[in-house]
Amino acid sequence: MPSVKICGITNLEDALFAASCGADALGFVFYENSPRFITPEETARIISQLPPFVTTVGLFVNETADRINQTMRLCRLDRAQLHFEIDEAFLGKIAFPALPVIRARKPEDLERFASRYRIVDSYCECYGGSGKRLNLEWFADRDNSKTILAGGLDPDNLPQVLSHGFYGVDVSSGVEAYKGKKDLQRVQKFIDNAKNR
């Protein structure tokens, strides 16, 4: 049963509903070019009202380590999601647990950060997610226990990926009514399907 992250949270209603449905993590996007951008101040306000045991994740694109650490502290976030090209040296500068994002173009890309928990998404010229799903054949006969799959997931196609043994699944646009606002029925269906309820 994979962990579920609902990303692109922009408002308290969506955050509380996802948590009530059993979301394991909520993601907040600090990339200003994203339609799901949220300010650190608003994020801090939402996080202050969440129940315990929900992991909060800040998504960063092309930011310095100092800026990431500052925002993480301000918002009291649990983990940093780094959605840009980084290396181990950069990860060492982050004062919080970090999730590197692999924007995969080919199966060999799955070897990057293989010893870490990481998010694997399909490559896109833009940042913050492509909404396109990776070729699931790439994950056959692999240990996917530290992989969080993102990209192109929705409540209907989610059952197709569960047999690959991913640690988690990460969804944003696949459970939206429109960019930046979740469709609550789709959020519940996604989480229920992931948890086999």
N, C-alpha and C. Protein backbone atom coordinates (compact mmCIF):
# COMPACT_ATOMS: atom_id res chain seq x y z
N MET A 1 0.85 -1.19 0.00
CA MET A 1 0.00 0.00 0.00
C MET A 1 0.88 1.24 0.00
N PRO A 2 0.90 2.00 -1.08
CA PRO A 2 1.83 3.14 -1.16
C PRO A 2 1.38 4.33 -0.32
N SER A 3 2.35 5.12 0.08
CA SER A 3 2.04 6.42 0.67
C SER A 3 1.53 7.34 -0.43
N VAL A 4 0.69 8.30 -0.04
CA VAL A 4 0.08 9.21 -1.00
C VAL A 4 0.43 10.65 -0.66
N LYS A 5 0.96 11.35 -1.67
CA LYS A 5 1.20 12.79 -1.54
C LYS A 5 0.28 13.53 -2.49
N ILE A 6 -0.47 14.47 -1.94
CA ILE A 6 -1.31 15.36 -2.74
C ILE A 6 -0.55 16.68 -2.86
N CYS A 7 -0.12 17.01 -4.06
CA CYS A 7 0.73 18.18 -4.27
C CYS A 7 -0.08 19.33 -4.86
N GLY A 8 0.51 20.52 -4.81
CA GLY A 8 -0.14 21.69 -5.37
C GLY A 8 -1.26 22.22 -4.50
N ILE A 9 -1.12 22.07 -3.17
CA ILE A 9 -2.14 22.59 -2.24
C ILE A 9 -2.04 24.11 -2.21
N THR A 10 -3.18 24.78 -2.37
CA THR A 10 -3.18 26.25 -2.37
C THR A 10 -4.14 26.85 -1.36
N ASN A 11 -4.91 26.01 -0.68
CA ASN A 11 -5.92 26.55 0.24
C ASN A 11 -6.19 25.56 1.37
N LEU A 12 -6.74 26.09 2.45
CA LEU A 12 -6.95 25.29 3.66
C LEU A 12 -7.99 24.20 3.43
N GLU A 13 -9.06 24.49 2.68
CA GLU A 13 -10.11 23.49 2.46
C GLU A 13 -9.53 22.23 1.82
N ASP A 14 -8.75 22.39 0.76
CA ASP A 14 -8.16 21.24 0.08
C ASP A 14 -7.21 20.48 1.01
N ALA A 15 -6.44 21.22 1.79
CA ALA A 15 -5.47 20.60 2.68
C ALA A 15 -6.17 19.74 3.74
N LEU A 16 -7.18 20.31 4.38
CA LEU A 16 -7.88 19.58 5.44
C LEU A 16 -8.64 18.39 4.88
N PHE A 17 -9.22 18.56 3.69
CA PHE A 17 -9.97 17.44 3.11
C PHE A 17 -9.03 16.29 2.75
N ALA A 18 -7.92 16.61 2.11
CA ALA A 18 -6.96 15.56 1.74
C ALA A 18 -6.46 14.83 2.99
N ALA A 19 -6.18 15.57 4.03
CA ALA A 19 -5.73 14.95 5.28
C ALA A 19 -6.81 14.05 5.86
N SER A 20 -8.06 14.50 5.81
CA SER A 20 -9.15 13.71 6.38
C SER A 20 -9.38 12.42 5.60
N CYS A 21 -9.00 12.41 4.31
CA CYS A 21 -9.15 11.22 3.48
C CYS A 21 -8.00 10.23 3.66
N GLY A 22 -6.95 10.66 4.36
CA GLY A 22 -5.83 9.76 4.61
C GLY A 22 -4.58 10.05 3.83
N ALA A 23 -4.48 11.26 3.25
CA ALA A 23 -3.23 11.62 2.56
C ALA A 23 -2.08 11.57 3.56
N ASP A 24 -0.96 10.99 3.14
CA ASP A 24 0.21 10.90 4.01
C ASP A 24 1.03 12.18 3.98
N ALA A 25 0.97 12.90 2.85
CA ALA A 25 1.77 14.11 2.70
C ALA A 25 1.03 15.12 1.83
N LEU A 26 1.30 16.40 2.08
CA LEU A 26 0.75 17.50 1.29
C LEU A 26 1.91 18.32 0.76
N GLY A 27 1.82 18.71 -0.52
CA GLY A 27 2.89 19.47 -1.14
C GLY A 27 2.48 20.90 -1.44
N PHE A 28 3.43 21.83 -1.21
CA PHE A 28 3.21 23.26 -1.42
C PHE A 28 4.27 23.77 -2.39
N VAL A 29 3.84 24.44 -3.45
CA VAL A 29 4.72 24.82 -4.55
C VAL A 29 5.18 26.26 -4.38
N PHE A 30 6.49 26.44 -4.25
CA PHE A 30 7.06 27.78 -4.09
C PHE A 30 7.72 28.29 -5.38
N TYR A 31 7.29 27.77 -6.49
CA TYR A 31 7.80 28.18 -7.80
C TYR A 31 6.81 29.18 -8.39
N GLU A 32 7.24 30.45 -8.52
CA GLU A 32 6.31 31.54 -8.85
C GLU A 32 5.67 31.39 -10.22
N ASN A 33 6.30 30.66 -11.14
CA ASN A 33 5.72 30.49 -12.47
C ASN A 33 4.65 29.40 -12.52
N SER A 34 4.43 28.73 -11.42
CA SER A 34 3.42 27.67 -11.38
C SER A 34 2.04 28.24 -11.08
N PRO A 35 0.99 27.72 -11.73
CA PRO A 35 -0.37 28.15 -11.36
C PRO A 35 -0.76 27.68 -9.97
N ARG A 36 0.06 26.82 -9.38
CA ARG A 36 -0.22 26.33 -8.03
C ARG A 36 0.70 26.99 -6.99
N PHE A 37 1.32 28.08 -7.37
CA PHE A 37 2.21 28.81 -6.46
C PHE A 37 1.46 29.27 -5.22
N ILE A 38 2.13 29.15 -4.09
CA ILE A 38 1.58 29.65 -2.82
C ILE A 38 2.70 30.35 -2.07
N THR A 39 2.37 31.40 -1.35
CA THR A 39 3.40 32.14 -0.62
C THR A 39 3.78 31.37 0.64
N PRO A 40 5.00 31.59 1.12
CA PRO A 40 5.38 30.98 2.39
C PRO A 40 4.45 31.37 3.53
N GLU A 41 4.00 32.60 3.54
CA GLU A 41 3.14 33.06 4.63
C GLU A 41 1.81 32.31 4.65
N GLU A 42 1.21 32.11 3.46
CA GLU A 42 -0.05 31.39 3.38
C GLU A 42 0.17 29.91 3.72
N THR A 43 1.29 29.38 3.28
CA THR A 43 1.61 27.99 3.61
C THR A 43 1.72 27.80 5.12
N ALA A 44 2.40 28.71 5.78
CA ALA A 44 2.54 28.63 7.23
C ALA A 44 1.18 28.67 7.91
N ARG A 45 0.28 29.50 7.40
CA ARG A 45 -1.07 29.59 7.98
C ARG A 45 -1.81 28.27 7.85
N ILE A 46 -1.71 27.64 6.67
CA ILE A 46 -2.38 26.36 6.45
C ILE A 46 -1.78 25.28 7.35
N ILE A 47 -0.45 25.21 7.37
CA ILE A 47 0.22 24.16 8.14
C ILE A 47 -0.12 24.26 9.62
N SER A 48 -0.30 25.47 10.12
CA SER A 48 -0.62 25.66 11.55
C SER A 48 -1.96 25.05 11.91
N GLN A 49 -2.80 24.77 10.91
CA GLN A 49 -4.15 24.25 11.18
C GLN A 49 -4.31 22.78 10.78
N LEU A 50 -3.23 22.15 10.34
CA LEU A 50 -3.30 20.75 9.96
C LEU A 50 -3.26 19.84 11.18
N PRO A 51 -3.86 18.65 11.06
CA PRO A 51 -3.74 17.68 12.15
C PRO A 51 -2.32 17.13 12.20
N PRO A 52 -1.95 16.49 13.33
CA PRO A 52 -0.62 15.88 13.41
C PRO A 52 -0.51 14.68 12.48
N PHE A 53 0.71 14.26 12.22
CA PHE A 53 1.03 13.06 11.44
C PHE A 53 0.75 13.21 9.96
N VAL A 54 0.63 14.43 9.46
CA VAL A 54 0.57 14.68 8.02
C VAL A 54 1.89 15.36 7.65
N THR A 55 2.67 14.72 6.79
CA THR A 55 3.96 15.28 6.38
C THR A 55 3.74 16.43 5.40
N THR A 56 4.44 17.53 5.62
CA THR A 56 4.33 18.68 4.72
C THR A 56 5.62 18.84 3.93
N VAL A 57 5.46 19.11 2.63
CA VAL A 57 6.58 19.11 1.70
C VAL A 57 6.59 20.41 0.92
N GLY A 58 7.72 21.08 0.88
CA GLY A 58 7.87 22.29 0.07
C GLY A 58 8.57 21.97 -1.23
N LEU A 59 7.97 22.37 -2.36
CA LEU A 59 8.56 22.12 -3.68
C LEU A 59 9.29 23.38 -4.15
N PHE A 60 10.56 23.20 -4.48
CA PHE A 60 11.42 24.32 -4.88
C PHE A 60 12.02 24.07 -6.25
N VAL A 61 12.15 25.16 -7.01
CA VAL A 61 12.76 25.11 -8.34
C VAL A 61 13.81 26.21 -8.43
N ASN A 62 15.04 25.81 -8.76
CA ASN A 62 16.13 26.77 -9.01
C ASN A 62 16.30 27.79 -7.88
N GLU A 63 16.31 27.28 -6.64
CA GLU A 63 16.51 28.13 -5.47
C GLU A 63 17.86 27.80 -4.84
N THR A 64 18.39 28.76 -4.10
CA THR A 64 19.62 28.51 -3.35
C THR A 64 19.29 27.70 -2.11
N ALA A 65 20.31 27.03 -1.59
CA ALA A 65 20.11 26.27 -0.36
C ALA A 65 19.69 27.17 0.79
N ASP A 66 20.27 28.36 0.87
CA ASP A 66 19.92 29.29 1.95
C ASP A 66 18.45 29.69 1.88
N ARG A 67 17.97 29.96 0.67
CA ARG A 67 16.56 30.36 0.50
C ARG A 67 15.63 29.19 0.85
N ILE A 68 16.01 28.00 0.44
CA ILE A 68 15.20 26.82 0.76
C ILE A 68 15.13 26.63 2.27
N ASN A 69 16.27 26.69 2.94
CA ASN A 69 16.28 26.51 4.38
C ASN A 69 15.47 27.58 5.09
N GLN A 70 15.56 28.82 4.61
CA GLN A 70 14.80 29.92 5.22
C GLN A 70 13.29 29.68 5.10
N THR A 71 12.86 29.29 3.90
CA THR A 71 11.43 29.04 3.68
C THR A 71 10.95 27.84 4.48
N MET A 72 11.75 26.81 4.53
CA MET A 72 11.39 25.63 5.29
C MET A 72 11.17 25.98 6.77
N ARG A 73 12.05 26.78 7.32
CA ARG A 73 11.91 27.17 8.73
C ARG A 73 10.69 28.04 8.94
N LEU A 74 10.49 29.00 8.07
CA LEU A 74 9.35 29.91 8.20
C LEU A 74 8.03 29.16 8.20
N CYS A 75 7.91 28.19 7.31
CA CYS A 75 6.64 27.46 7.15
C CYS A 75 6.51 26.27 8.08
N ARG A 76 7.64 25.88 8.72
CA ARG A 76 7.68 24.67 9.53
C ARG A 76 7.33 23.44 8.70
N LEU A 77 7.92 23.39 7.53
CA LEU A 77 7.75 22.25 6.63
C LEU A 77 8.62 21.09 7.09
N ASP A 78 8.22 19.89 6.71
CA ASP A 78 8.96 18.69 7.11
C ASP A 78 10.05 18.31 6.11
N ARG A 79 9.75 18.41 4.81
CA ARG A 79 10.69 17.95 3.79
C ARG A 79 10.75 18.94 2.64
N ALA A 80 11.92 18.98 1.98
CA ALA A 80 12.12 19.82 0.80
C ALA A 80 12.13 18.93 -0.43
N GLN A 81 11.32 19.27 -1.43
CA GLN A 81 11.30 18.57 -2.72
C GLN A 81 12.02 19.45 -3.73
N LEU A 82 13.11 18.94 -4.29
CA LEU A 82 14.00 19.74 -5.13
C LEU A 82 13.78 19.36 -6.58
N HIS A 83 13.02 20.18 -7.27
CA HIS A 83 12.56 19.85 -8.64
C HIS A 83 13.45 20.55 -9.66
N PHE A 84 14.77 20.36 -9.51
CA PHE A 84 15.73 20.92 -10.47
C PHE A 84 17.01 20.12 -10.35
N GLU A 85 17.95 20.40 -11.24
CA GLU A 85 19.17 19.59 -11.30
C GLU A 85 20.06 19.90 -10.10
N ILE A 86 20.30 18.89 -9.29
CA ILE A 86 21.12 19.04 -8.09
C ILE A 86 22.07 17.86 -8.00
N ASP A 87 22.99 17.94 -7.03
CA ASP A 87 23.89 16.82 -6.78
C ASP A 87 23.94 16.57 -5.27
N GLU A 88 24.73 15.59 -4.87
CA GLU A 88 24.83 15.25 -3.45
C GLU A 88 25.37 16.42 -2.63
N ALA A 89 26.29 17.19 -3.22
CA ALA A 89 26.84 18.33 -2.48
C ALA A 89 25.75 19.34 -2.15
N PHE A 90 24.86 19.59 -3.09
CA PHE A 90 23.76 20.53 -2.82
C PHE A 90 22.84 19.96 -1.74
N LEU A 91 22.53 18.68 -1.84
CA LEU A 91 21.67 18.06 -0.83
C LEU A 91 22.26 18.20 0.56
N GLY A 92 23.59 18.17 0.64
CA GLY A 92 24.25 18.30 1.93
C GLY A 92 24.08 19.67 2.56
N LYS A 93 23.69 20.66 1.77
CA LYS A 93 23.48 22.02 2.29
C LYS A 93 22.05 22.25 2.80
N ILE A 94 21.17 21.30 2.53
CA ILE A 94 19.79 21.45 2.96
C ILE A 94 19.66 20.95 4.39
N ALA A 95 19.15 21.78 5.26
CA ALA A 95 19.10 21.47 6.69
C ALA A 95 17.90 20.61 7.07
N PHE A 96 17.19 20.12 6.09
CA PHE A 96 15.98 19.32 6.31
C PHE A 96 16.05 18.07 5.44
N PRO A 97 15.29 17.04 5.77
CA PRO A 97 15.22 15.90 4.85
C PRO A 97 14.78 16.37 3.47
N ALA A 98 15.45 15.86 2.44
CA ALA A 98 15.19 16.35 1.09
C ALA A 98 14.83 15.21 0.15
N LEU A 99 13.96 15.51 -0.79
CA LEU A 99 13.56 14.56 -1.82
C LEU A 99 14.01 15.10 -3.17
N PRO A 100 15.08 14.54 -3.75
CA PRO A 100 15.43 14.95 -5.11
C PRO A 100 14.39 14.43 -6.09
N VAL A 101 14.17 15.20 -7.15
CA VAL A 101 13.25 14.79 -8.21
C VAL A 101 14.06 14.42 -9.44
N ILE A 102 13.84 13.23 -9.95
CA ILE A 102 14.46 12.79 -11.19
C ILE A 102 13.47 13.04 -12.32
N ARG A 103 13.86 13.88 -13.25
CA ARG A 103 13.02 14.16 -14.42
C ARG A 103 13.51 13.23 -15.53
N ALA A 104 12.93 12.03 -15.56
CA ALA A 104 13.50 10.94 -16.35
C ALA A 104 13.17 11.05 -17.83
N ARG A 105 14.21 10.90 -18.66
CA ARG A 105 14.05 10.83 -20.11
C ARG A 105 14.24 9.41 -20.63
N LYS A 106 14.99 8.60 -19.86
CA LYS A 106 15.34 7.24 -20.30
C LYS A 106 15.47 6.36 -19.07
N PRO A 107 15.39 5.04 -19.25
CA PRO A 107 15.45 4.14 -18.08
C PRO A 107 16.69 4.33 -17.22
N GLU A 108 17.81 4.66 -17.85
CA GLU A 108 19.06 4.80 -17.09
C GLU A 108 18.98 5.92 -16.05
N ASP A 109 18.09 6.88 -16.27
CA ASP A 109 17.95 7.98 -15.31
C ASP A 109 17.46 7.49 -13.95
N LEU A 110 16.85 6.32 -13.93
CA LEU A 110 16.34 5.79 -12.67
C LEU A 110 17.45 5.40 -11.71
N GLU A 111 18.69 5.35 -12.21
CA GLU A 111 19.82 5.00 -11.34
C GLU A 111 20.26 6.19 -10.48
N ARG A 112 19.82 7.39 -10.81
CA ARG A 112 20.24 8.57 -10.05
C ARG A 112 19.60 8.55 -8.65
N PHE A 113 20.41 8.86 -7.65
CA PHE A 113 19.96 8.90 -6.26
C PHE A 113 19.27 7.59 -5.85
N ALA A 114 19.74 6.48 -6.40
CA ALA A 114 19.07 5.19 -6.17
C ALA A 114 19.07 4.77 -4.71
N SER A 115 20.02 5.26 -3.93
CA SER A 115 20.08 4.88 -2.52
C SER A 115 19.19 5.76 -1.63
N ARG A 116 18.60 6.78 -2.23
CA ARG A 116 17.76 7.73 -1.49
C ARG A 116 16.29 7.54 -1.85
N TYR A 117 15.42 7.98 -0.95
CA TYR A 117 14.04 8.18 -1.35
C TYR A 117 14.02 9.35 -2.33
N ARG A 118 13.32 9.17 -3.45
CA ARG A 118 13.32 10.22 -4.47
C ARG A 118 12.00 10.14 -5.23
N ILE A 119 11.66 11.24 -5.86
CA ILE A 119 10.49 11.31 -6.72
C ILE A 119 10.94 11.15 -8.16
N VAL A 120 10.25 10.30 -8.91
CA VAL A 120 10.57 10.12 -10.33
C VAL A 120 9.39 10.63 -11.15
N ASP A 121 9.67 11.59 -12.01
CA ASP A 121 8.66 12.21 -12.86
C ASP A 121 9.16 12.15 -14.29
N SER A 122 8.27 12.32 -15.24
CA SER A 122 8.69 12.35 -16.64
C SER A 122 9.31 13.71 -16.96
N TYR A 123 10.28 13.70 -17.87
CA TYR A 123 10.99 14.94 -18.21
C TYR A 123 10.06 15.91 -18.92
N CYS A 124 10.23 17.18 -18.56
CA CYS A 124 9.48 18.26 -19.21
C CYS A 124 10.38 19.49 -19.21
N GLU A 125 10.33 20.27 -20.29
CA GLU A 125 11.14 21.49 -20.36
C GLU A 125 10.78 22.45 -19.23
N CYS A 126 9.50 22.51 -18.90
CA CYS A 126 9.07 23.36 -17.80
C CYS A 126 9.29 22.60 -16.49
N TYR A 127 9.16 23.31 -15.39
CA TYR A 127 9.36 22.69 -14.08
C TYR A 127 8.02 22.58 -13.36
N GLY A 128 8.03 21.74 -12.31
CA GLY A 128 6.85 21.64 -11.47
C GLY A 128 5.91 20.54 -11.88
N GLY A 129 6.33 19.67 -12.80
CA GLY A 129 5.49 18.54 -13.18
C GLY A 129 4.99 18.66 -14.60
N SER A 130 4.93 17.53 -15.27
CA SER A 130 4.55 17.53 -16.69
C SER A 130 3.14 17.05 -16.93
N GLY A 131 2.58 16.31 -15.96
CA GLY A 131 1.27 15.70 -16.18
C GLY A 131 1.33 14.52 -17.13
N LYS A 132 2.54 14.10 -17.53
CA LYS A 132 2.71 12.95 -18.42
C LYS A 132 3.24 11.76 -17.62
N ARG A 133 2.77 10.57 -17.95
CA ARG A 133 3.17 9.40 -17.19
C ARG A 133 4.37 8.73 -17.85
N LEU A 134 5.25 8.21 -17.00
CA LEU A 134 6.41 7.47 -17.48
C LEU A 134 6.00 6.09 -17.97
N ASN A 135 6.88 5.49 -18.75
CA ASN A 135 6.68 4.13 -19.23
C ASN A 135 6.87 3.18 -18.04
N LEU A 136 5.81 2.50 -17.66
CA LEU A 136 5.88 1.62 -16.49
C LEU A 136 6.82 0.45 -16.70
N GLU A 137 7.12 0.10 -17.95
CA GLU A 137 8.06 -1.00 -18.21
C GLU A 137 9.44 -0.69 -17.65
N TRP A 138 9.78 0.60 -17.51
CA TRP A 138 11.07 0.96 -16.95
C TRP A 138 11.23 0.45 -15.52
N PHE A 139 10.12 0.25 -14.84
CA PHE A 139 10.16 -0.10 -13.41
C PHE A 139 10.03 -1.60 -13.17
N ALA A 140 9.89 -2.37 -14.23
CA ALA A 140 9.75 -3.82 -14.08
C ALA A 140 11.06 -4.43 -13.57
N ASP A 141 10.95 -5.40 -12.71
CA ASP A 141 12.11 -6.12 -12.19
C ASP A 141 13.13 -5.20 -11.52
N ARG A 142 12.63 -4.14 -10.88
CA ARG A 142 13.49 -3.23 -10.12
C ARG A 142 12.99 -3.19 -8.67
N ASP A 143 13.88 -2.76 -7.79
CA ASP A 143 13.47 -2.45 -6.43
C ASP A 143 12.98 -1.00 -6.43
N ASN A 144 11.68 -0.81 -6.33
CA ASN A 144 11.08 0.53 -6.36
C ASN A 144 10.67 1.00 -4.97
N SER A 145 11.23 0.38 -3.94
CA SER A 145 10.78 0.66 -2.58
C SER A 145 11.18 2.04 -2.07
N LYS A 146 12.09 2.73 -2.78
CA LYS A 146 12.44 4.10 -2.40
C LYS A 146 12.00 5.11 -3.46
N THR A 147 11.14 4.66 -4.36
CA THR A 147 10.69 5.52 -5.47
C THR A 147 9.26 6.00 -5.22
N ILE A 148 9.08 7.30 -5.37
CA ILE A 148 7.75 7.91 -5.34
C ILE A 148 7.44 8.29 -6.78
N LEU A 149 6.41 7.69 -7.34
CA LEU A 149 6.08 7.92 -8.75
C LEU A 149 5.19 9.15 -8.89
N ALA A 150 5.55 10.01 -9.82
CA ALA A 150 4.75 11.20 -10.13
C ALA A 150 4.57 11.29 -11.64
N GLY A 151 3.65 12.12 -12.05
CA GLY A 151 3.47 12.38 -13.48
C GLY A 151 2.34 11.61 -14.11
N GLY A 152 1.27 12.30 -14.45
CA GLY A 152 0.19 11.69 -15.22
C GLY A 152 -0.71 10.74 -14.45
N LEU A 153 -0.61 10.74 -13.13
CA LEU A 153 -1.45 9.84 -12.35
C LEU A 153 -2.82 10.47 -12.10
N ASP A 154 -3.83 9.62 -12.04
CA ASP A 154 -5.17 10.06 -11.68
C ASP A 154 -5.90 8.88 -11.03
N PRO A 155 -7.10 9.09 -10.50
CA PRO A 155 -7.77 7.99 -9.79
C PRO A 155 -8.01 6.77 -10.66
N ASP A 156 -8.21 6.97 -11.96
CA ASP A 156 -8.58 5.86 -12.83
C ASP A 156 -7.38 5.01 -13.26
N ASN A 157 -6.22 5.65 -13.50
CA ASN A 157 -5.07 4.85 -13.95
C ASN A 157 -4.18 4.40 -12.80
N LEU A 158 -4.45 4.87 -11.60
CA LEU A 158 -3.61 4.52 -10.46
C LEU A 158 -3.50 3.01 -10.24
N PRO A 159 -4.60 2.23 -10.35
CA PRO A 159 -4.46 0.79 -10.12
C PRO A 159 -3.42 0.11 -11.01
N GLN A 160 -3.15 0.69 -12.18
CA GLN A 160 -2.18 0.08 -13.10
C GLN A 160 -0.75 0.15 -12.57
N VAL A 161 -0.46 1.07 -11.67
CA VAL A 161 0.92 1.26 -11.21
C VAL A 161 1.20 0.57 -9.88
N LEU A 162 0.17 0.13 -9.18
CA LEU A 162 0.37 -0.32 -7.81
C LEU A 162 1.17 -1.61 -7.70
N SER A 163 1.18 -2.42 -8.75
CA SER A 163 1.88 -3.70 -8.68
C SER A 163 3.40 -3.55 -8.72
N HIS A 164 3.90 -2.36 -8.99
CA HIS A 164 5.35 -2.16 -9.13
C HIS A 164 6.05 -1.89 -7.80
N GLY A 165 5.31 -1.84 -6.71
CA GLY A 165 5.94 -1.74 -5.40
C GLY A 165 6.56 -0.39 -5.09
N PHE A 166 5.98 0.69 -5.60
CA PHE A 166 6.49 2.02 -5.29
C PHE A 166 6.28 2.35 -3.82
N TYR A 167 7.24 3.10 -3.25
CA TYR A 167 7.04 3.57 -1.88
C TYR A 167 5.81 4.47 -1.82
N GLY A 168 5.67 5.33 -2.84
CA GLY A 168 4.57 6.28 -2.80
C GLY A 168 4.17 6.74 -4.18
N VAL A 169 3.05 7.45 -4.22
CA VAL A 169 2.55 8.07 -5.44
C VAL A 169 2.26 9.54 -5.14
N ASP A 170 2.48 10.38 -6.15
CA ASP A 170 2.40 11.83 -5.98
C ASP A 170 1.51 12.37 -7.09
N VAL A 171 0.46 13.10 -6.72
CA VAL A 171 -0.50 13.59 -7.71
C VAL A 171 -0.79 15.06 -7.47
N SER A 172 -1.02 15.78 -8.57
CA SER A 172 -1.44 17.18 -8.47
C SER A 172 -2.57 17.43 -9.48
N SER A 173 -2.22 17.56 -10.76
CA SER A 173 -3.23 17.90 -11.76
C SER A 173 -4.28 16.81 -11.92
N GLY A 174 -3.93 15.57 -11.62
CA GLY A 174 -4.86 14.46 -11.80
C GLY A 174 -6.03 14.46 -10.84
N VAL A 175 -5.99 15.32 -9.82
CA VAL A 175 -7.11 15.41 -8.88
C VAL A 175 -7.61 16.86 -8.76
N GLU A 176 -7.44 17.63 -9.84
CA GLU A 176 -7.86 19.02 -9.81
C GLU A 176 -9.19 19.25 -10.53
N ALA A 177 -9.95 20.20 -10.01
CA ALA A 177 -11.11 20.73 -10.73
C ALA A 177 -10.62 21.72 -11.79
N TYR A 178 -9.65 22.52 -11.41
CA TYR A 178 -8.92 23.41 -12.31
C TYR A 178 -7.60 23.73 -11.63
N LYS A 179 -6.68 24.33 -12.35
CA LYS A 179 -5.33 24.53 -11.83
C LYS A 179 -5.36 25.31 -10.52
N GLY A 180 -4.85 24.67 -9.48
CA GLY A 180 -4.79 25.32 -8.18
C GLY A 180 -5.93 24.97 -7.25
N LYS A 181 -6.96 24.28 -7.75
CA LYS A 181 -8.11 23.91 -6.89
C LYS A 181 -8.41 22.43 -7.09
N LYS A 182 -8.46 21.72 -5.98
CA LYS A 182 -8.68 20.28 -6.05
C LYS A 182 -10.16 19.96 -6.25
N ASP A 183 -10.40 18.85 -6.95
CA ASP A 183 -11.72 18.25 -7.05
C ASP A 183 -11.80 17.26 -5.89
N LEU A 184 -12.61 17.56 -4.90
CA LEU A 184 -12.58 16.78 -3.67
C LEU A 184 -12.97 15.33 -3.89
N GLN A 185 -13.90 15.08 -4.79
CA GLN A 185 -14.27 13.69 -5.08
C GLN A 185 -13.11 12.92 -5.68
N ARG A 186 -12.36 13.58 -6.56
CA ARG A 186 -11.21 12.91 -7.18
C ARG A 186 -10.09 12.69 -6.16
N VAL A 187 -9.91 13.62 -5.25
CA VAL A 187 -8.92 13.43 -4.19
C VAL A 187 -9.28 12.20 -3.38
N GLN A 188 -10.53 12.10 -2.97
CA GLN A 188 -10.94 10.95 -2.16
C GLN A 188 -10.80 9.65 -2.94
N LYS A 189 -11.19 9.66 -4.20
CA LYS A 189 -11.10 8.43 -5.01
C LYS A 189 -9.65 8.02 -5.20
N PHE A 190 -8.76 8.99 -5.43
CA PHE A 190 -7.35 8.68 -5.61
C PHE A 190 -6.79 8.01 -4.36
N ILE A 191 -7.05 8.60 -3.21
CA ILE A 191 -6.51 8.06 -1.96
C ILE A 191 -7.13 6.70 -1.68
N ASP A 192 -8.42 6.56 -1.89
CA ASP A 192 -9.07 5.26 -1.66
C ASP A 192 -8.48 4.18 -2.57
N ASN A 193 -8.25 4.52 -3.83
CA ASN A 193 -7.68 3.54 -4.76
C ASN A 193 -6.25 3.16 -4.36
N ALA A 194 -5.50 4.15 -3.90
CA ALA A 194 -4.12 3.86 -3.48
C ALA A 194 -4.09 2.95 -2.26
N LYS A 195 -5.03 3.17 -1.37
CA LYS A 195 -5.07 2.40 -0.12
C LYS A 195 -5.92 1.14 -0.26
N ASN A 196 -6.43 0.89 -1.47
CA ASN A 196 -7.25 -0.30 -1.74
C ASN A 196 -8.47 -0.38 -0.84
N ARG A 197 -9.14 0.78 -0.69
CA ARG A 197 -10.35 0.81 0.14
C ARG A 197 -11.59 0.69 -0.70
